């Protein structure tokens, strides 16, 4: 049986039908709810939800697992490291989709790692030259969305994990 991989905010037909912006937390939750429903009708086909950034979605994912649905999920280093309120206004270097959320949300994502709801951590490496990120202009609407992170993923994640008493196995999905 083949696995389906779905970005946590890429169900644009659902988002547009609901009239929601794809980067708002409730659209992520609606998309994940739709995936849980699909998992109920696919005779056990596995579904993987990529780049979970909204901690309010974790309980829905955990409940699906408790019900025996084959759903895995992951988050990215930048969601576990940065916090929206700590990012300077206009810092297009931090523009990504889904967006980086608040420190409280970040800590709840770490709880998702600890309790196994988030199966592992990925990089979502998406580099761009400074001119595409519009660093000097600080224009979020036109700037390339993506974070260059491959070179920092392991040290940044490991540093944050150690501060929370986690092991490498906890973040690697072992």
N, C-alpha and C. Protein backbone atom coordinates (compact mmCIF):
# COMPACT_ATOMS: atom_id res chain seq x y z
N UNK A 1 0.83 -1.16 0.00
CA UNK A 1 0.00 0.00 0.00
C UNK A 1 0.89 1.24 0.00
N UNK A 2 0.56 2.22 -0.83
CA UNK A 2 1.36 3.43 -0.92
C UNK A 2 0.96 4.43 0.16
N UNK A 3 1.95 5.21 0.61
CA UNK A 3 1.71 6.23 1.61
C UNK A 3 1.44 7.55 0.92
N UNK A 4 0.58 8.35 1.51
CA UNK A 4 0.30 9.68 1.00
C UNK A 4 1.00 10.69 1.89
N UNK A 5 1.76 11.60 1.28
CA UNK A 5 2.46 12.67 1.99
C UNK A 5 1.75 13.97 1.69
N UNK A 6 1.36 14.69 2.73
CA UNK A 6 0.61 15.92 2.55
C UNK A 6 1.21 17.01 3.41
N UNK A 7 1.46 18.17 2.80
CA UNK A 7 1.93 19.34 3.54
C UNK A 7 0.77 19.84 4.39
N UNK A 8 1.05 20.24 5.61
CA UNK A 8 -0.02 20.59 6.55
C UNK A 8 -0.86 21.79 6.12
N UNK A 9 -0.44 22.56 5.13
CA UNK A 9 -1.26 23.70 4.68
C UNK A 9 -1.54 23.65 3.18
N UNK A 10 -1.33 22.54 2.54
CA UNK A 10 -1.43 22.53 1.09
C UNK A 10 -2.78 22.04 0.55
N UNK A 11 -3.76 21.91 1.37
CA UNK A 11 -5.07 21.50 0.88
C UNK A 11 -5.82 22.75 0.44
N UNK A 12 -5.31 23.38 -0.63
CA UNK A 12 -5.82 24.69 -1.03
C UNK A 12 -7.27 24.64 -1.47
N UNK A 13 -7.72 23.52 -2.08
CA UNK A 13 -9.12 23.46 -2.47
C UNK A 13 -10.01 23.57 -1.24
N UNK A 14 -9.62 22.94 -0.16
CA UNK A 14 -10.37 23.01 1.08
C UNK A 14 -10.29 24.42 1.66
N UNK A 15 -9.10 24.97 1.64
CA UNK A 15 -8.90 26.31 2.20
C UNK A 15 -9.73 27.33 1.43
N UNK A 16 -9.69 27.27 0.10
CA UNK A 16 -10.45 28.23 -0.69
C UNK A 16 -11.94 28.02 -0.51
N UNK A 17 -12.37 26.77 -0.41
CA UNK A 17 -13.78 26.48 -0.20
C UNK A 17 -14.25 27.07 1.13
N UNK A 18 -13.39 27.05 2.13
CA UNK A 18 -13.73 27.60 3.43
C UNK A 18 -13.51 29.11 3.51
N UNK A 19 -12.87 29.66 2.49
CA UNK A 19 -12.59 31.08 2.47
C UNK A 19 -11.49 31.50 3.42
N UNK A 20 -10.62 30.57 3.78
CA UNK A 20 -9.56 30.86 4.74
C UNK A 20 -8.23 31.05 4.02
N UNK A 21 -7.37 31.84 4.63
CA UNK A 21 -6.01 32.00 4.12
C UNK A 21 -5.21 30.76 4.52
N UNK A 22 -4.41 30.17 3.62
CA UNK A 22 -3.74 28.91 3.94
C UNK A 22 -2.70 28.98 5.05
N UNK A 23 -2.33 30.16 5.50
CA UNK A 23 -1.33 30.25 6.55
C UNK A 23 -1.92 30.47 7.93
N UNK A 24 -3.22 30.62 8.01
CA UNK A 24 -3.85 30.81 9.31
C UNK A 24 -3.98 29.47 10.03
N UNK A 25 -3.80 29.46 11.35
CA UNK A 25 -3.86 28.19 12.08
C UNK A 25 -5.13 27.40 11.84
N UNK A 26 -6.30 28.07 11.78
CA UNK A 26 -7.51 27.29 11.62
C UNK A 26 -7.60 26.61 10.27
N UNK A 27 -6.96 27.15 9.24
CA UNK A 27 -6.99 26.44 7.96
C UNK A 27 -6.12 25.19 8.02
N UNK A 28 -5.01 25.25 8.78
CA UNK A 28 -4.19 24.07 8.99
C UNK A 28 -4.99 23.01 9.73
N UNK A 29 -5.70 23.42 10.76
CA UNK A 29 -6.52 22.48 11.53
C UNK A 29 -7.61 21.86 10.65
N UNK A 30 -8.24 22.69 9.81
CA UNK A 30 -9.27 22.16 8.91
C UNK A 30 -8.69 21.17 7.92
N UNK A 31 -7.50 21.47 7.39
CA UNK A 31 -6.85 20.56 6.45
C UNK A 31 -6.51 19.24 7.13
N UNK A 32 -5.99 19.30 8.34
CA UNK A 32 -5.63 18.07 9.06
C UNK A 32 -6.89 17.28 9.41
N UNK A 33 -7.97 17.96 9.78
CA UNK A 33 -9.23 17.27 10.05
C UNK A 33 -9.71 16.53 8.80
N UNK A 34 -9.55 17.15 7.66
CA UNK A 34 -9.93 16.50 6.40
C UNK A 34 -9.06 15.27 6.15
N UNK A 35 -7.78 15.35 6.44
CA UNK A 35 -6.89 14.21 6.27
C UNK A 35 -7.25 13.07 7.21
N UNK A 36 -7.61 13.40 8.44
CA UNK A 36 -8.05 12.38 9.38
C UNK A 36 -9.30 11.68 8.84
N UNK A 37 -10.20 12.45 8.29
CA UNK A 37 -11.41 11.86 7.69
C UNK A 37 -11.05 10.96 6.51
N UNK A 38 -10.14 11.40 5.68
CA UNK A 38 -9.70 10.58 4.54
C UNK A 38 -9.07 9.29 5.05
N UNK A 39 -8.27 9.38 6.11
CA UNK A 39 -7.63 8.19 6.67
C UNK A 39 -8.68 7.18 7.14
N UNK A 40 -9.85 7.67 7.54
CA UNK A 40 -10.93 6.79 7.99
C UNK A 40 -11.57 6.02 6.84
N UNK A 41 -11.41 6.52 5.63
CA UNK A 41 -12.09 5.92 4.49
C UNK A 41 -11.15 5.21 3.52
N UNK A 42 -9.87 5.09 3.86
CA UNK A 42 -8.89 4.54 2.91
C UNK A 42 -8.40 3.15 3.28
N UNK A 43 -9.12 2.46 4.13
CA UNK A 43 -8.75 1.10 4.52
C UNK A 43 -7.32 1.01 5.04
N UNK A 44 -6.94 1.96 5.86
CA UNK A 44 -5.64 1.89 6.51
C UNK A 44 -4.47 2.42 5.72
N UNK A 45 -4.71 3.13 4.62
CA UNK A 45 -3.59 3.71 3.86
C UNK A 45 -2.87 4.72 4.74
N UNK A 46 -1.55 4.64 4.83
CA UNK A 46 -0.82 5.58 5.69
C UNK A 46 -0.79 6.98 5.09
N UNK A 47 -0.88 7.96 5.96
CA UNK A 47 -0.81 9.37 5.57
C UNK A 47 0.26 10.03 6.43
N UNK A 48 1.12 10.82 5.81
CA UNK A 48 2.14 11.57 6.55
C UNK A 48 1.86 13.06 6.37
N UNK A 49 1.77 13.78 7.47
CA UNK A 49 1.54 15.23 7.44
C UNK A 49 2.87 15.93 7.68
N UNK A 50 3.29 16.67 6.68
CA UNK A 50 4.60 17.33 6.73
C UNK A 50 4.49 18.75 7.28
N UNK A 51 5.52 19.16 8.02
CA UNK A 51 5.73 20.54 8.44
C UNK A 51 4.62 21.10 9.33
N UNK A 52 4.24 20.33 10.32
CA UNK A 52 3.23 20.80 11.27
C UNK A 52 3.83 21.95 12.08
N UNK A 53 3.17 23.09 12.04
CA UNK A 53 3.65 24.26 12.79
C UNK A 53 2.64 24.73 13.82
N UNK A 54 1.41 24.31 13.71
CA UNK A 54 0.34 24.75 14.59
C UNK A 54 0.09 23.70 15.67
N UNK A 55 0.50 24.00 16.89
CA UNK A 55 0.38 23.04 17.99
C UNK A 55 -1.06 22.69 18.31
N UNK A 56 -2.00 23.53 17.93
CA UNK A 56 -3.41 23.20 18.16
C UNK A 56 -3.85 22.00 17.34
N UNK A 57 -3.08 21.62 16.35
CA UNK A 57 -3.39 20.45 15.52
C UNK A 57 -2.94 19.14 16.15
N UNK A 58 -2.08 19.20 17.14
CA UNK A 58 -1.47 17.99 17.69
C UNK A 58 -2.48 17.03 18.31
N UNK A 59 -3.45 17.53 19.04
CA UNK A 59 -4.43 16.64 19.68
C UNK A 59 -5.23 15.87 18.63
N UNK A 60 -5.58 16.52 17.53
CA UNK A 60 -6.31 15.85 16.46
C UNK A 60 -5.47 14.71 15.86
N UNK A 61 -4.19 14.96 15.66
CA UNK A 61 -3.29 13.95 15.12
C UNK A 61 -3.12 12.80 16.12
N UNK A 62 -2.94 13.14 17.39
CA UNK A 62 -2.78 12.12 18.43
C UNK A 62 -4.04 11.26 18.54
N UNK A 63 -5.20 11.89 18.51
CA UNK A 63 -6.46 11.14 18.61
C UNK A 63 -6.63 10.19 17.42
N UNK A 64 -6.25 10.64 16.24
CA UNK A 64 -6.33 9.76 15.07
C UNK A 64 -5.45 8.53 15.28
N UNK A 65 -4.27 8.73 15.85
CA UNK A 65 -3.39 7.60 16.15
C UNK A 65 -3.99 6.66 17.17
N UNK A 66 -4.62 7.22 18.20
CA UNK A 66 -5.26 6.38 19.22
C UNK A 66 -6.41 5.57 18.64
N UNK A 67 -7.02 6.09 17.57
CA UNK A 67 -8.11 5.39 16.90
C UNK A 67 -7.61 4.36 15.89
N UNK A 68 -6.29 4.24 15.79
CA UNK A 68 -5.72 3.25 14.89
C UNK A 68 -5.47 3.71 13.47
N UNK A 69 -5.68 4.99 13.20
CA UNK A 69 -5.41 5.50 11.86
C UNK A 69 -3.90 5.60 11.68
N UNK A 70 -3.45 5.28 10.49
CA UNK A 70 -2.00 5.27 10.20
C UNK A 70 -1.56 6.65 9.74
N UNK A 71 -1.47 7.58 10.69
CA UNK A 71 -1.07 8.95 10.40
C UNK A 71 0.22 9.25 11.16
N UNK A 72 1.22 9.71 10.43
CA UNK A 72 2.44 10.20 11.05
C UNK A 72 2.55 11.69 10.72
N UNK A 73 3.38 12.38 11.49
CA UNK A 73 3.54 13.82 11.25
C UNK A 73 4.93 14.24 11.72
N UNK A 74 5.37 15.37 11.17
CA UNK A 74 6.66 15.92 11.58
C UNK A 74 6.57 17.43 11.61
N UNK A 75 7.57 18.00 12.24
CA UNK A 75 7.72 19.44 12.24
C UNK A 75 9.14 19.76 11.80
N UNK A 76 9.44 21.03 11.70
CA UNK A 76 10.75 21.45 11.20
C UNK A 76 11.55 22.18 12.27
N UNK A 77 12.85 22.17 12.07
CA UNK A 77 13.77 22.81 13.00
C UNK A 77 13.36 24.25 13.30
N UNK A 78 13.00 25.01 12.27
CA UNK A 78 12.70 26.43 12.51
C UNK A 78 11.46 26.62 13.38
N UNK A 79 10.52 25.68 13.36
CA UNK A 79 9.35 25.80 14.23
C UNK A 79 9.70 25.45 15.68
N UNK A 80 10.76 24.69 15.86
CA UNK A 80 11.20 24.29 17.20
C UNK A 80 12.26 25.23 17.77
N UNK A 81 12.75 26.15 16.96
CA UNK A 81 13.85 27.02 17.37
C UNK A 81 13.43 28.48 17.51
N UNK A 82 12.71 29.00 16.53
CA UNK A 82 12.34 30.41 16.52
C UNK A 82 10.95 30.63 17.14
N UNK A 83 10.67 31.88 17.48
CA UNK A 83 9.34 32.28 17.95
C UNK A 83 8.99 33.60 17.25
N UNK A 84 7.75 33.71 16.81
CA UNK A 84 7.32 34.88 16.04
C UNK A 84 7.63 36.19 16.74
N UNK A 85 7.39 36.23 18.04
CA UNK A 85 7.59 37.50 18.76
C UNK A 85 9.06 37.86 18.92
N UNK A 86 9.96 36.94 18.62
CA UNK A 86 11.39 37.19 18.72
C UNK A 86 12.02 37.57 17.38
N UNK A 87 11.23 37.50 16.32
CA UNK A 87 11.73 37.81 14.97
C UNK A 87 11.49 39.29 14.68
N UNK A 88 12.52 40.02 14.27
CA UNK A 88 12.33 41.45 13.98
C UNK A 88 11.34 41.67 12.84
N UNK A 89 10.57 42.73 12.91
CA UNK A 89 9.65 43.09 11.84
C UNK A 89 10.43 43.21 10.53
N UNK A 90 9.86 42.69 9.46
CA UNK A 90 10.48 42.78 8.15
C UNK A 90 11.59 41.79 7.90
N UNK A 91 11.84 40.86 8.79
CA UNK A 91 12.91 39.87 8.60
C UNK A 91 12.44 38.76 7.66
N UNK A 92 12.59 39.02 6.38
CA UNK A 92 12.14 38.06 5.38
C UNK A 92 12.97 36.78 5.40
N UNK A 93 14.11 36.78 6.07
CA UNK A 93 14.89 35.55 6.22
C UNK A 93 14.10 34.49 6.97
N UNK A 94 13.09 34.90 7.72
CA UNK A 94 12.28 33.98 8.50
C UNK A 94 10.94 33.64 7.83
N UNK A 95 10.72 34.11 6.61
CA UNK A 95 9.46 33.83 5.93
C UNK A 95 9.45 32.37 5.48
N UNK A 96 8.40 31.66 5.86
CA UNK A 96 8.23 30.28 5.44
C UNK A 96 6.74 29.94 5.54
N UNK A 97 6.37 28.80 4.98
CA UNK A 97 4.98 28.35 5.03
C UNK A 97 4.94 26.89 5.46
N UNK A 98 4.19 26.61 6.50
CA UNK A 98 3.46 27.52 7.35
C UNK A 98 4.41 28.45 8.09
N UNK A 99 3.88 29.54 8.63
CA UNK A 99 4.74 30.52 9.29
C UNK A 99 5.22 30.06 10.67
N UNK A 100 6.27 30.70 11.14
CA UNK A 100 6.76 30.49 12.50
C UNK A 100 5.75 31.13 13.44
N UNK A 101 5.43 30.42 14.51
CA UNK A 101 4.42 30.89 15.45
C UNK A 101 5.06 31.30 16.78
N UNK A 102 4.27 31.56 17.79
CA UNK A 102 4.72 32.10 19.07
C UNK A 102 5.49 31.07 19.89
N UNK A 103 6.21 31.57 20.92
CA UNK A 103 7.02 30.72 21.80
C UNK A 103 6.16 29.66 22.49
N UNK A 104 4.98 30.02 22.93
CA UNK A 104 4.09 29.06 23.59
C UNK A 104 3.75 27.91 22.64
N UNK A 105 3.50 28.22 21.39
CA UNK A 105 3.23 27.20 20.38
C UNK A 105 4.46 26.31 20.18
N UNK A 106 5.65 26.94 20.12
CA UNK A 106 6.91 26.20 19.96
C UNK A 106 7.06 25.17 21.08
N UNK A 107 6.80 25.58 22.31
CA UNK A 107 6.95 24.65 23.44
C UNK A 107 5.96 23.49 23.34
N UNK A 108 4.77 23.76 22.85
CA UNK A 108 3.79 22.68 22.66
C UNK A 108 4.21 21.74 21.54
N UNK A 109 4.91 22.25 20.52
CA UNK A 109 5.45 21.35 19.49
C UNK A 109 6.49 20.43 20.10
N UNK A 110 7.33 20.97 21.00
CA UNK A 110 8.31 20.12 21.69
C UNK A 110 7.59 19.03 22.51
N UNK A 111 6.45 19.35 23.09
CA UNK A 111 5.67 18.33 23.80
C UNK A 111 5.20 17.26 22.83
N UNK A 112 4.86 17.67 21.60
CA UNK A 112 4.47 16.72 20.57
C UNK A 112 5.61 15.77 20.19
N UNK A 113 6.84 16.28 20.23
CA UNK A 113 8.01 15.42 20.02
C UNK A 113 8.13 14.44 21.19
N UNK A 114 8.03 14.98 22.39
CA UNK A 114 8.19 14.15 23.60
C UNK A 114 7.17 13.02 23.66
N UNK A 115 5.92 13.31 23.32
CA UNK A 115 4.88 12.28 23.46
C UNK A 115 4.67 11.44 22.20
N UNK A 116 5.44 11.71 21.15
CA UNK A 116 5.38 10.88 19.95
C UNK A 116 4.34 11.28 18.92
N UNK A 117 3.58 12.32 19.18
CA UNK A 117 2.61 12.78 18.18
C UNK A 117 3.33 13.25 16.92
N UNK A 118 4.41 14.00 17.11
CA UNK A 118 5.28 14.36 15.99
C UNK A 118 6.35 13.29 15.90
N UNK A 119 6.38 12.58 14.80
CA UNK A 119 7.20 11.39 14.65
C UNK A 119 8.69 11.70 14.50
N UNK A 120 9.01 12.81 13.85
CA UNK A 120 10.41 13.20 13.67
C UNK A 120 10.49 14.66 13.28
N UNK A 121 11.72 15.15 13.14
CA UNK A 121 11.99 16.54 12.77
C UNK A 121 12.63 16.54 11.39
N UNK A 122 12.17 17.42 10.52
CA UNK A 122 12.76 17.55 9.18
C UNK A 122 13.33 18.96 9.02
N UNK A 123 13.96 19.21 7.88
CA UNK A 123 14.59 20.51 7.69
C UNK A 123 13.75 21.48 6.88
N UNK A 124 13.02 21.03 5.90
CA UNK A 124 12.32 21.90 4.95
C UNK A 124 13.29 22.91 4.35
N UNK A 125 14.49 22.46 4.04
CA UNK A 125 15.55 23.30 3.49
C UNK A 125 15.08 23.95 2.19
N UNK A 126 15.03 25.27 2.16
CA UNK A 126 14.56 25.99 0.98
C UNK A 126 15.36 27.29 0.84
N UNK A 127 16.60 27.17 0.38
CA UNK A 127 17.45 28.35 0.28
C UNK A 127 17.06 29.25 -0.89
N UNK A 128 17.47 30.49 -0.78
CA UNK A 128 17.27 31.46 -1.86
C UNK A 128 18.35 32.52 -1.74
N UNK A 129 18.77 33.07 -2.86
CA UNK A 129 19.74 34.17 -2.79
C UNK A 129 19.11 35.38 -2.08
N UNK A 130 19.93 36.20 -1.43
CA UNK A 130 19.40 37.36 -0.69
C UNK A 130 18.47 38.24 -1.53
N UNK A 131 18.78 38.37 -2.82
CA UNK A 131 17.92 39.23 -3.65
C UNK A 131 16.50 38.65 -3.80
N UNK A 132 16.36 37.33 -3.71
CA UNK A 132 15.02 36.72 -3.76
C UNK A 132 14.30 36.83 -2.43
N UNK A 133 15.05 36.90 -1.34
CA UNK A 133 14.46 37.05 -0.02
C UNK A 133 14.11 38.51 0.27
N UNK A 134 14.56 39.42 -0.58
CA UNK A 134 14.28 40.86 -0.43
C UNK A 134 14.63 41.34 0.98
N UNK A 135 15.83 40.93 1.42
CA UNK A 135 16.28 41.24 2.78
C UNK A 135 16.31 42.74 3.03
N UNK A 136 16.81 43.50 2.07
CA UNK A 136 16.92 44.95 2.25
C UNK A 136 15.55 45.63 2.27
N UNK A 137 14.60 45.10 1.50
CA UNK A 137 13.27 45.72 1.43
C UNK A 137 12.36 45.29 2.58
N UNK A 138 12.53 44.06 3.04
CA UNK A 138 11.66 43.55 4.09
C UNK A 138 10.23 43.35 3.64
N UNK A 139 10.05 43.07 2.34
CA UNK A 139 8.70 42.92 1.77
C UNK A 139 8.26 41.45 1.83
N UNK A 140 7.46 41.12 2.83
CA UNK A 140 7.01 39.74 3.03
C UNK A 140 6.13 39.24 1.90
N UNK A 141 5.36 40.10 1.30
CA UNK A 141 4.46 39.66 0.24
C UNK A 141 5.21 39.19 -1.00
N UNK A 142 6.32 39.84 -1.32
CA UNK A 142 7.07 39.49 -2.52
C UNK A 142 8.28 38.59 -2.27
N UNK A 143 8.74 38.48 -1.05
CA UNK A 143 9.95 37.71 -0.74
C UNK A 143 9.73 36.22 -0.92
N UNK A 144 10.79 35.53 -1.32
CA UNK A 144 10.78 34.07 -1.42
C UNK A 144 10.46 33.49 -0.05
N UNK A 145 9.58 32.52 -0.01
CA UNK A 145 9.24 31.87 1.25
C UNK A 145 10.02 30.59 1.41
N UNK A 146 10.88 30.54 2.35
CA UNK A 146 11.66 29.35 2.62
C UNK A 146 12.86 29.70 3.48
N UNK A 147 13.30 28.74 4.26
CA UNK A 147 14.42 28.97 5.16
C UNK A 147 15.57 28.03 4.79
N UNK A 148 16.73 28.61 4.63
CA UNK A 148 17.94 27.82 4.40
C UNK A 148 18.34 27.21 5.74
N UNK A 149 18.24 25.88 5.83
CA UNK A 149 18.40 25.30 7.17
C UNK A 149 19.20 24.00 7.22
N UNK A 150 19.54 23.44 6.11
CA UNK A 150 20.20 22.14 6.12
C UNK A 150 21.46 22.14 6.97
N UNK A 151 22.26 23.18 6.84
CA UNK A 151 23.53 23.25 7.56
C UNK A 151 23.35 23.48 9.06
N UNK A 152 22.17 23.95 9.47
CA UNK A 152 21.92 24.25 10.89
C UNK A 152 20.95 23.29 11.56
N UNK A 153 20.29 22.44 10.80
CA UNK A 153 19.21 21.61 11.37
C UNK A 153 19.65 20.77 12.55
N UNK A 154 20.70 19.99 12.37
CA UNK A 154 21.11 19.12 13.47
C UNK A 154 21.60 19.91 14.68
N UNK A 155 22.54 20.86 14.53
CA UNK A 155 22.99 21.57 15.73
C UNK A 155 21.88 22.38 16.40
N UNK A 156 21.02 23.02 15.63
CA UNK A 156 19.94 23.83 16.22
C UNK A 156 18.92 22.94 16.94
N UNK A 157 18.51 21.86 16.29
CA UNK A 157 17.54 20.95 16.90
C UNK A 157 18.13 20.28 18.12
N UNK A 158 19.37 19.82 18.00
CA UNK A 158 20.02 19.12 19.11
C UNK A 158 20.21 20.05 20.31
N UNK A 159 20.60 21.29 20.07
CA UNK A 159 20.77 22.26 21.16
C UNK A 159 19.44 22.47 21.89
N UNK A 160 18.38 22.67 21.13
CA UNK A 160 17.06 22.87 21.72
C UNK A 160 16.56 21.61 22.43
N UNK A 161 16.82 20.45 21.84
CA UNK A 161 16.39 19.19 22.45
C UNK A 161 17.10 18.95 23.78
N UNK A 162 18.41 19.16 23.81
CA UNK A 162 19.17 18.99 25.05
C UNK A 162 18.65 19.89 26.16
N UNK A 163 18.30 21.11 25.81
CA UNK A 163 17.78 22.05 26.80
C UNK A 163 16.46 21.57 27.40
N UNK A 164 15.79 20.65 26.70
CA UNK A 164 14.51 20.11 27.17
C UNK A 164 14.64 18.67 27.67
N UNK A 165 15.87 18.20 27.80
CA UNK A 165 16.11 16.86 28.33
C UNK A 165 15.82 15.72 27.37
N UNK A 166 15.83 16.00 26.08
CA UNK A 166 15.55 14.98 25.07
C UNK A 166 16.83 14.37 24.52
N UNK A 167 16.71 13.19 23.95
CA UNK A 167 17.84 12.51 23.32
C UNK A 167 17.78 12.66 21.82
N UNK A 168 18.84 12.29 21.16
CA UNK A 168 18.85 12.31 19.69
C UNK A 168 17.78 11.37 19.15
N UNK A 169 17.58 10.25 19.79
CA UNK A 169 16.53 9.30 19.35
C UNK A 169 15.15 9.93 19.42
N UNK A 170 14.91 10.80 20.39
CA UNK A 170 13.61 11.46 20.51
C UNK A 170 13.29 12.32 19.29
N UNK A 171 14.28 12.98 18.75
CA UNK A 171 14.03 13.87 17.62
C UNK A 171 14.24 13.20 16.27
N UNK A 172 14.87 12.03 16.26
CA UNK A 172 15.13 11.33 15.01
C UNK A 172 14.02 10.35 14.66
N UNK A 173 13.06 10.18 15.55
CA UNK A 173 11.96 9.29 15.25
C UNK A 173 12.22 7.84 15.58
N UNK A 174 13.20 7.58 16.46
CA UNK A 174 13.50 6.19 16.81
C UNK A 174 12.49 5.63 17.78
